[in-house]
Amino acid sequence: MKNLSFIFFISLIIFISSCEKENYYQGDHFFIKNAGAEMPVYIKGNIKSGIFILFLHGGPGGNASLPSFMPVSQELENDYAFAYWDQRGSGLSMGNPDQSTFTLEQFVDDLDLVVETIKHKYHNPRIVFYGISWGGALGSAYLSTKNYQDKIDGFICMDSGHNLVEGLPKSVAFVKDYAQKQIDNNVDVDYWTKARDWCATAPDMTKKENYFKYDGYLINTNAYRKDPDQKVQGPEVGAMGTMNSYLSLSIFFNGKYLSKRFNILELNLSRDMEVIKIPSIVIWGRHDGVNTIEMGYDAYNSIGGSDFKEKELVILENSAHEGYIEEQMLFIHTFRRFVNSL
């Protein structure tokens, strides 16, 4: 009897899944194979627009697959085509890339293959980079390499980690200040005293062990979300949707493998970014504790140098690191205004 019940339950799930399947398979996809990695690219949205937004996800070790189900993405897909690329060792990427390929130069080379494939497959559309956090750094590195920027029509750089040498100590100071506030409010005093005192030692943030210790404290602050209790719209895909979409559990494991083997703690692209001469917009959360607002000004000042005029800085006053969902409507308006002006 139990076996029959189990079979009925499984059959019911399969039936429900088949009914919902169509909703989660809209779009196109292909794989980029390079240096041992097989990286998926999913194309969704308004391909006829002739404008492709190439989403550069964060991390290193995040993914573009899950953000493709965010309401903010789906809204913007009405206007433009979006290309969601999972980078090597990240998200739903496959293959067996050697650790030696986890370099900034290799990621740039991978990205160039994605760009060239989109141009060939979709008849040379206009391409706009949209990079968040690490993705903003990767976009900056690509646009600063050779003449690659000639292939790209615009750059949306959001809460970028383009200069961790100067940025990480500022984030450590953010954690220290947050810890002191918790102590003053008598919240988990022992934990936050240890955090404050450790941050006060001005740890060398080019060392991995220090980075991961700091990151353990950072995740417990409001560095990512100004108001952690704010209700925001997450990915519109639940358990059934996961079964019916291309998502798999690998998105939760690949990134952790990569992040421990890809050392970018000495990354500083600020000087390199002066060569970027394409229309750019820097979008930053005023209260970002991951890449603080000072680094937002640095990104803006660095792109194209001081004399470059085709750039803009937009500060989201009520956001931290996730302004695209914290101030969703303002972000969408800003995004459209920039892309439509190109």
Protein backbone atom coordinates (compact mmCIF):
# COMPACT_ATOMS: atom_id res chain seq x y z
CA MET A 1 0.00 0.00 0.00
CA LYS A 2 2.86 2.36 0.85
CA ASN A 3 4.51 1.58 -2.46
CA LEU A 4 1.29 2.39 -4.32
CA SER A 5 0.98 5.66 -2.46
CA PHE A 6 4.58 6.54 -3.30
CA ILE A 7 4.07 5.71 -6.98
CA PHE A 8 0.89 7.82 -7.03
CA PHE A 9 2.75 10.73 -5.40
CA ILE A 10 5.60 10.58 -7.91
CA SER A 11 3.15 10.31 -10.79
CA LEU A 12 1.28 13.35 -9.52
CA ILE A 13 4.51 15.38 -9.34
CA ILE A 14 5.44 14.35 -12.88
CA PHE A 15 1.97 15.29 -14.10
CA ILE A 16 2.06 18.68 -12.42
CA SER A 17 5.60 19.23 -13.69
CA SER A 18 4.60 18.49 -17.25
CA CYS A 19 1.73 20.96 -16.98
CA GLU A 20 4.09 23.75 -15.87
CA LYS A 21 6.99 22.85 -18.11
CA GLU A 22 6.34 25.37 -20.87
CA ASN A 23 6.59 28.34 -18.53
CA TYR A 24 10.23 27.64 -17.69
CA TYR A 25 11.72 26.73 -21.05
CA GLN A 26 11.18 29.89 -23.07
CA GLY A 27 14.24 31.21 -24.86
CA ASP A 28 17.37 29.88 -26.50
CA HIS A 29 20.60 28.43 -25.17
CA PHE A 30 24.07 27.31 -26.20
CA PHE A 31 27.34 26.28 -24.58
CA ILE A 32 30.74 27.95 -24.74
CA LYS A 33 33.59 25.43 -24.50
CA ASN A 34 36.99 26.83 -23.60
CA ALA A 35 40.04 25.65 -21.65
CA GLY A 36 38.28 22.71 -20.02
CA ALA A 37 35.05 24.51 -19.13
CA GLU A 38 31.61 24.10 -20.68
CA MET A 39 29.63 27.20 -19.88
CA PRO A 40 25.90 27.64 -20.59
CA VAL A 41 24.46 30.82 -22.05
CA TYR A 42 20.69 31.28 -21.92
CA ILE A 43 19.06 33.87 -24.15
CA LYS A 44 15.71 35.25 -23.05
CA GLY A 45 13.58 38.26 -23.83
CA ASN A 46 13.09 40.53 -26.80
CA ILE A 47 15.57 39.26 -29.38
CA LYS A 48 13.91 41.36 -32.10
CA SER A 49 15.04 44.52 -30.29
CA GLY A 50 18.54 43.96 -31.61
CA ILE A 51 19.92 44.90 -28.18
CA PHE A 52 21.49 42.16 -26.06
CA ILE A 53 22.17 42.73 -22.36
CA LEU A 54 25.04 40.44 -21.43
CA PHE A 55 24.67 39.81 -17.70
CA LEU A 56 27.96 39.38 -15.83
CA HIS A 57 27.17 37.74 -12.51
CA GLY A 58 28.90 38.28 -9.21
CA GLY A 59 31.11 36.10 -7.08
CA PRO A 60 33.46 34.91 -8.32
CA GLY A 61 31.35 31.81 -8.09
CA GLY A 62 27.84 33.23 -8.36
CA ASN A 63 25.56 32.39 -11.23
CA ALA A 64 23.38 33.98 -13.88
CA SER A 65 20.91 31.11 -14.09
CA LEU A 66 18.92 31.93 -10.96
CA PRO A 67 18.86 35.71 -11.56
CA SER A 68 17.28 34.98 -14.94
CA PHE A 69 14.10 34.19 -13.00
CA MET A 70 14.09 37.48 -11.08
CA PRO A 71 11.04 39.70 -11.70
CA VAL A 72 13.35 42.65 -12.44
CA SER A 73 15.03 40.64 -15.20
CA GLN A 74 11.74 39.47 -16.63
CA GLU A 75 10.44 43.04 -16.72
CA LEU A 76 13.47 44.28 -18.65
CA GLU A 77 13.29 41.29 -21.00
CA ASN A 78 10.17 42.91 -22.46
CA ASP A 79 12.46 45.54 -23.97
CA TYR A 80 15.73 43.75 -24.62
CA ALA A 81 17.26 40.32 -25.08
CA PHE A 82 19.20 39.13 -22.05
CA ALA A 83 22.15 36.74 -22.24
CA TYR A 84 22.69 34.87 -18.96
CA TRP A 85 26.17 33.31 -18.90
CA ASP A 86 27.40 31.08 -16.08
CA GLN A 87 31.15 31.63 -15.85
CA ARG A 88 33.69 28.82 -15.55
CA GLY A 89 33.44 26.94 -12.27
CA SER A 90 30.21 28.79 -11.51
CA GLY A 91 26.48 28.17 -11.58
CA LEU A 92 25.55 25.42 -14.03
CA SER A 93 28.90 25.34 -15.82
CA MET A 94 30.31 21.90 -16.50
CA GLY A 95 33.56 20.35 -17.67
CA ASN A 96 36.65 19.87 -15.58
CA PRO A 97 38.67 23.09 -15.84
CA ASP A 98 42.05 22.99 -14.17
CA GLN A 99 42.65 25.35 -11.27
CA SER A 100 45.37 27.00 -13.35
CA THR A 101 42.63 28.37 -15.62
CA PHE A 102 41.04 30.34 -12.79
CA THR A 103 42.69 33.62 -13.77
CA LEU A 104 41.32 37.01 -14.71
CA GLU A 105 42.84 36.67 -18.16
CA GLN A 106 41.06 33.37 -18.75
CA PHE A 107 37.71 34.79 -17.64
CA VAL A 108 38.21 37.67 -20.08
CA ASP A 109 39.01 35.18 -22.84
CA ASP A 110 35.86 33.21 -22.00
CA LEU A 111 33.81 36.40 -22.10
CA ASP A 112 35.17 37.29 -25.52
CA LEU A 113 33.98 33.94 -26.85
CA VAL A 114 30.51 34.67 -25.46
CA VAL A 115 30.52 38.09 -27.17
CA GLU A 116 31.70 36.66 -30.49
CA THR A 117 29.14 33.85 -30.38
CA ILE A 118 26.27 36.25 -29.72
CA LYS A 119 27.41 38.48 -32.57
CA HIS A 120 27.64 35.53 -34.97
CA LYS A 121 24.49 33.71 -33.89
CA TYR A 122 22.21 36.76 -33.71
CA HIS A 123 23.48 38.77 -36.68
CA ASN A 124 25.71 41.30 -34.96
CA PRO A 125 23.32 42.86 -32.42
CA ARG A 126 24.24 45.72 -30.13
CA ILE A 127 25.68 44.39 -26.86
CA VAL A 128 25.53 46.10 -23.47
CA PHE A 129 27.44 44.73 -20.47
CA TYR A 130 25.52 44.62 -17.19
CA GLY A 131 27.96 43.63 -14.46
CA ILE A 132 27.17 43.34 -10.76
CA SER A 133 29.89 43.19 -8.08
CA TRP A 134 32.56 40.79 -9.42
CA GLY A 135 30.74 41.01 -12.75
CA GLY A 136 31.47 44.74 -12.83
CA ALA A 137 35.14 43.97 -12.30
CA LEU A 138 35.13 41.37 -15.07
CA GLY A 139 33.41 43.79 -17.44
CA SER A 140 35.99 46.45 -16.57
CA ALA A 141 38.85 44.02 -17.22
CA TYR A 142 37.39 43.01 -20.59
CA LEU A 143 36.82 46.57 -21.72
CA SER A 144 40.38 47.45 -20.69
CA THR A 145 41.89 44.61 -22.75
CA LYS A 146 43.18 45.09 -26.30
CA ASN A 147 40.47 46.64 -28.49
CA TYR A 148 37.66 44.52 -27.03
CA GLN A 149 35.61 47.57 -26.07
CA ASP A 150 35.01 48.18 -29.78
CA LYS A 151 32.61 45.21 -29.71
CA ILE A 152 30.47 46.61 -26.88
CA ASP A 153 27.96 49.48 -27.06
CA GLY A 154 27.52 50.31 -23.37
CA PHE A 155 28.57 49.37 -19.84
CA ILE A 156 26.37 49.18 -16.74
CA CYS A 157 28.73 48.84 -13.77
CA MET A 158 26.90 48.13 -10.52
CA ASP A 159 28.50 47.89 -7.05
CA SER A 160 31.70 46.70 -8.69
CA GLY A 161 34.59 44.89 -7.02
CA HIS A 162 37.09 46.36 -9.48
CA ASN A 163 39.62 47.44 -6.84
CA LEU A 164 39.77 45.06 -3.90
CA VAL A 165 43.17 46.29 -2.72
CA GLU A 166 41.58 49.56 -1.64
CA GLY A 167 38.00 48.33 -1.32
CA LEU A 168 38.32 45.41 1.08
CA PRO A 169 39.84 47.46 3.94
CA LYS A 170 36.88 49.84 3.60
CA SER A 171 34.49 46.90 3.87
CA VAL A 172 36.37 45.66 6.95
CA ALA A 173 35.84 49.10 8.48
CA PHE A 174 32.13 48.76 7.66
CA VAL A 175 32.00 45.47 9.58
CA LYS A 176 33.86 47.05 12.50
CA ASP A 177 31.38 49.95 12.69
CA TYR A 178 28.42 47.59 12.39
CA ALA A 179 29.83 45.42 15.18
CA GLN A 180 30.16 48.44 17.47
CA LYS A 181 26.53 49.39 16.87
CA GLN A 182 25.43 45.89 17.81
CA ILE A 183 27.51 46.04 20.98
CA ASP A 184 26.02 49.41 21.87
CA ASN A 185 22.55 47.92 21.41
CA ASN A 186 23.47 44.88 23.55
CA VAL A 187 22.98 42.46 20.64
CA ASP A 188 25.05 39.25 20.70
CA VAL A 189 27.81 41.15 22.47
CA ASP A 190 30.39 38.35 22.66
CA TYR A 191 30.20 37.61 18.93
CA TRP A 192 30.32 41.22 17.80
CA THR A 193 33.11 42.10 20.25
CA LYS A 194 35.27 39.42 18.64
CA ALA A 195 34.33 40.75 15.21
CA ARG A 196 35.10 44.36 16.16
CA ASP A 197 38.42 43.51 17.78
CA TRP A 198 39.53 41.38 14.84
CA CYS A 199 38.65 44.09 12.34
CA ALA A 200 40.51 46.63 14.49
CA THR A 201 43.77 44.74 13.89
CA ALA A 202 43.64 45.91 10.24
CA PRO A 203 44.13 42.39 8.88
CA ASP A 204 46.02 41.87 5.63
CA MET A 205 43.15 41.32 3.20
CA THR A 206 45.37 39.89 0.49
CA LYS A 207 45.52 36.69 2.56
CA LYS A 208 42.77 34.18 1.86
CA GLU A 209 42.36 33.09 5.47
CA ASN A 210 41.67 36.68 6.48
CA TYR A 211 39.24 37.16 3.63
CA PHE A 212 37.12 34.16 4.59
CA LYS A 213 37.12 35.15 8.26
CA TYR A 214 35.98 38.64 7.34
CA ASP A 215 33.37 37.25 4.96
CA GLY A 216 31.91 35.18 7.79
CA TYR A 217 31.29 38.39 9.74
CA LEU A 218 30.15 40.39 6.70
CA ILE A 219 27.33 38.00 5.86
CA ASN A 220 25.78 38.72 9.27
CA THR A 221 25.65 42.48 8.73
CA ASN A 222 23.34 44.54 6.52
CA ALA A 223 26.07 44.94 3.90
CA TYR A 224 23.94 43.32 1.22
CA ARG A 225 20.53 44.69 2.13
CA LYS A 226 20.09 48.02 3.91
CA ASP A 227 16.96 46.66 5.59
CA PRO A 228 17.28 42.86 5.91
CA ASP A 229 13.58 42.71 6.85
CA GLN A 230 12.46 44.42 3.65
CA LYS A 231 10.16 42.22 1.61
CA VAL A 232 11.55 41.92 -1.91
CA GLN A 233 10.62 39.88 -4.94
CA GLY A 234 12.87 36.88 -5.32
CA PRO A 235 13.22 34.50 -8.28
CA GLU A 236 9.82 33.43 -9.61
CA VAL A 237 10.66 29.74 -9.50
CA GLY A 238 9.80 27.39 -6.66
CA ALA A 239 10.43 23.69 -6.10
CA MET A 240 8.26 22.68 -9.05
CA GLY A 241 9.83 25.32 -11.22
CA THR A 242 13.29 24.04 -10.36
CA MET A 243 12.25 20.57 -11.50
CA ASN A 244 10.86 22.00 -14.73
CA SER A 245 13.60 24.48 -15.55
CA TYR A 246 17.25 24.04 -16.40
CA LEU A 247 18.24 24.76 -12.78
CA SER A 248 20.02 22.10 -10.75
CA LEU A 249 21.67 21.81 -7.35
CA SER A 250 25.06 22.48 -8.93
CA ILE A 251 24.41 26.22 -8.67
CA PHE A 252 24.88 25.83 -4.90
CA PHE A 253 28.15 23.88 -5.08
CA ASN A 254 30.20 25.03 -8.08
CA GLY A 255 30.77 28.52 -6.75
CA LYS A 256 32.15 27.34 -3.42
CA TYR A 257 34.70 25.22 -5.26
CA LEU A 258 35.78 28.14 -7.43
CA SER A 259 35.93 30.82 -4.75
CA LYS A 260 38.56 28.94 -2.74
CA ARG A 261 40.77 28.48 -5.81
CA PHE A 262 40.50 31.83 -7.58
CA ASN A 263 42.49 34.50 -5.79
CA ILE A 264 41.53 38.05 -6.80
CA LEU A 265 42.39 39.71 -3.49
CA GLU A 266 45.15 41.82 -5.06
CA LEU A 267 42.90 43.01 -7.88
CA ASN A 268 43.17 46.71 -8.72
CA LEU A 269 41.78 47.77 -12.11
CA SER A 270 41.28 51.46 -11.38
CA ARG A 271 44.19 52.66 -13.51
CA ASP A 272 43.37 50.21 -16.33
CA MET A 273 39.79 51.49 -16.53
CA GLU A 274 40.98 54.87 -17.80
CA VAL A 275 41.15 53.39 -21.32
CA ILE A 276 37.41 52.58 -21.35
CA LYS A 277 35.77 55.02 -23.77
CA ILE A 278 32.28 53.63 -24.31
CA PRO A 279 29.08 55.06 -22.78
CA SER A 280 28.95 53.88 -19.16
CA ILE A 281 26.76 54.21 -16.12
CA VAL A 282 27.88 53.42 -12.57
CA ILE A 283 25.01 52.43 -10.27
CA TRP A 284 25.76 52.10 -6.56
CA GLY A 285 23.93 51.55 -3.29
CA ARG A 286 24.65 54.35 -0.83
CA HIS A 287 24.77 51.84 2.05
CA ASP A 288 26.70 49.07 0.30
CA GLY A 289 28.98 47.38 2.83
CA VAL A 290 30.48 44.90 0.38
CA ASN A 291 31.87 47.47 -2.04
CA THR A 292 31.40 50.74 -0.21
CA ILE A 293 30.24 54.00 -1.76
CA GLU A 294 33.83 55.27 -1.91
CA MET A 295 34.50 52.55 -4.46
CA GLY A 296 31.49 53.76 -6.43
CA TYR A 297 33.13 57.15 -6.80
CA ASP A 298 36.38 55.40 -7.68
CA ALA A 299 34.68 53.39 -10.46
CA TYR A 300 33.06 56.51 -11.88
CA ASN A 301 36.27 58.54 -11.77
CA SER A 302 38.33 55.68 -13.22
CA ILE A 303 36.19 54.89 -16.28
CA GLY A 304 37.60 56.88 -19.18
CA GLY A 305 39.65 59.12 -16.93
CA SER A 306 38.80 62.61 -15.71
CA ASP A 307 38.14 64.10 -19.16
CA PHE A 308 35.71 61.42 -20.36
CA LYS A 309 32.13 62.75 -20.52
CA GLU A 310 30.03 59.80 -21.68
CA LYS A 311 29.55 58.41 -18.19
CA GLU A 312 27.11 58.86 -15.34
CA LEU A 313 26.95 58.01 -11.65
CA VAL A 314 23.60 57.08 -10.08
CA ILE A 315 23.45 56.48 -6.33
CA LEU A 316 20.56 54.46 -4.93
CA GLU A 317 20.02 56.25 -1.63
CA ASN A 318 17.97 53.50 0.05
CA SER A 319 20.01 50.49 -1.03
CA ALA A 320 23.04 48.49 0.01
CA HIS A 321 24.59 45.90 -2.35
CA GLU A 322 21.34 44.67 -3.89
CA GLY A 323 19.79 47.86 -5.23
CA TYR A 324 18.31 46.06 -8.22
CA ILE A 325 15.74 44.56 -5.85
CA GLU A 326 15.84 47.03 -2.94
CA GLU A 327 14.85 49.93 -5.22
CA GLN A 328 13.55 47.90 -8.11
CA MET A 329 11.43 50.52 -9.88
CA LEU A 330 14.14 53.19 -9.73
CA PHE A 331 16.69 50.67 -10.96
CA ILE A 332 14.48 49.61 -13.89
CA HIS A 333 13.87 53.25 -14.84
CA THR A 334 17.59 54.04 -14.69
CA PHE A 335 18.48 50.93 -16.66
CA ARG A 336 16.01 51.68 -19.45
CA ARG A 337 16.96 55.33 -19.64
CA PHE A 338 20.62 54.46 -20.13
CA VAL A 339 20.16 51.65 -22.66
CA ASN A 340 17.60 53.61 -24.68
CA SER A 341 20.00 56.55 -24.90
CA LEU A 342 22.73 54.53 -26.62
